[in-house]
């Protein structure tokens, strides 16, 4: 089996972690980090002294929302992906 064909679940199980719990923890951390970036960018967007700074802050806000959407898509795909079959030794 090609080593790139492992699922995320397989990687967690190999390291002795509970995949669903570990994934929930990772997505929670990522969303918290994105939330902090979003809050600061929105604050900067409102309080920026010039249009250039407001425009740049607005781009960060848009990018954070895109990243949050991507996180949601990844979480959905991981949750719905079938578990990879166990590796068999072919040597």
Protein backbone atom coordinates (compact mmCIF):
# COMPACT_ATOMS: atom_id res chain seq x y z
CA UNK A 1 0.00 0.00 0.00
CA UNK A 2 1.25 3.46 -0.88
CA UNK A 3 2.08 5.40 2.28
CA UNK A 4 0.13 8.38 0.97
CA UNK A 5 -3.10 6.40 0.96
CA UNK A 6 -3.43 6.40 4.75
CA UNK A 7 -6.46 8.17 6.09
CA UNK A 8 -6.21 10.73 8.86
CA UNK A 9 -7.95 8.22 11.10
CA UNK A 10 -5.24 5.63 10.43
CA UNK A 11 -2.54 8.09 11.41
CA UNK A 12 -4.23 8.85 14.73
CA UNK A 13 -4.84 5.18 15.47
CA UNK A 14 -1.23 4.32 14.70
CA UNK A 15 -0.13 6.86 17.32
CA UNK A 16 -2.63 5.50 19.87
CA UNK A 17 -5.00 8.48 19.70
CA UNK A 18 -8.77 8.46 19.48
CA UNK A 19 -9.37 9.82 15.95
CA UNK A 20 -12.77 11.48 16.43
CA UNK A 21 -11.76 13.12 19.69
CA UNK A 22 -8.38 14.23 18.35
CA UNK A 23 -9.92 15.68 15.18
CA UNK A 24 -12.53 17.56 17.17
CA UNK A 25 -9.74 19.00 19.33
CA UNK A 26 -7.70 20.06 16.30
CA UNK A 27 -10.66 21.68 14.53
CA UNK A 28 -11.60 23.45 17.77
CA UNK A 29 -8.07 24.85 18.12
CA UNK A 30 -7.95 25.95 14.49
CA UNK A 31 -11.32 27.70 14.74
CA UNK A 32 -10.22 29.45 17.94
CA UNK A 33 -7.08 30.71 16.22
CA UNK A 34 -9.02 31.87 13.18
CA UNK A 35 -11.52 33.60 15.47
CA UNK A 36 -8.75 35.59 17.14
CA UNK A 37 -7.35 36.65 13.77
CA UNK A 38 -10.84 37.60 12.60
CA UNK A 39 -11.55 39.71 15.69
CA UNK A 40 -8.30 41.64 15.34
CA UNK A 41 -8.76 42.16 11.60
CA UNK A 42 -12.31 43.43 12.06
CA UNK A 43 -11.16 45.80 14.79
CA UNK A 44 -8.35 47.07 12.58
CA UNK A 45 -10.78 47.46 9.69
CA UNK A 46 -13.01 49.72 11.82
CA UNK A 47 -10.23 51.75 13.43
CA UNK A 48 -7.69 52.00 10.63
CA UNK A 49 -6.63 55.58 9.96
CA UNK A 50 -6.57 55.31 6.18
CA UNK A 51 -8.28 53.54 3.31
CA UNK A 52 -5.26 51.40 2.42
CA UNK A 53 -5.14 49.92 5.92
CA UNK A 54 -8.92 49.36 5.94
CA UNK A 55 -8.69 47.58 2.58
CA UNK A 56 -5.89 45.32 3.79
CA UNK A 57 -7.77 44.50 6.98
CA UNK A 58 -10.88 43.70 4.91
CA UNK A 59 -8.77 41.29 2.82
CA UNK A 60 -7.67 39.52 6.01
CA UNK A 61 -11.30 39.28 7.15
CA UNK A 62 -12.29 37.75 3.82
CA UNK A 63 -9.38 35.31 3.96
CA UNK A 64 -10.29 34.20 7.47
CA UNK A 65 -13.86 33.49 6.39
CA UNK A 66 -12.48 31.50 3.44
CA UNK A 67 -10.22 29.55 5.81
CA UNK A 68 -13.14 28.83 8.13
CA UNK A 69 -15.13 27.52 5.16
CA UNK A 70 -12.21 25.34 4.11
CA UNK A 71 -11.94 23.97 7.65
CA UNK A 72 -15.62 23.11 7.57
CA UNK A 73 -15.20 21.32 4.22
CA UNK A 74 -12.21 19.33 5.48
CA UNK A 75 -14.06 18.35 8.65
CA UNK A 76 -17.03 17.23 6.57
CA UNK A 77 -14.87 15.18 4.18
CA UNK A 78 -12.92 13.55 7.01
CA UNK A 79 -16.16 12.64 8.77
CA UNK A 80 -17.61 11.08 5.63
CA UNK A 81 -14.48 9.39 4.26
CA UNK A 82 -14.42 5.61 4.48
CA UNK A 83 -11.75 4.08 6.61
CA UNK A 84 -8.77 2.86 4.60
CA UNK A 85 -8.22 -0.92 4.58
CA UNK A 86 -5.43 -2.20 6.83
CA UNK A 87 -1.98 -2.35 5.27
CA UNK A 88 -0.83 -5.79 4.20
CA UNK A 89 2.80 -6.72 3.98
CA UNK A 90 3.68 -7.44 0.36
CA UNK A 91 7.38 -8.04 0.87
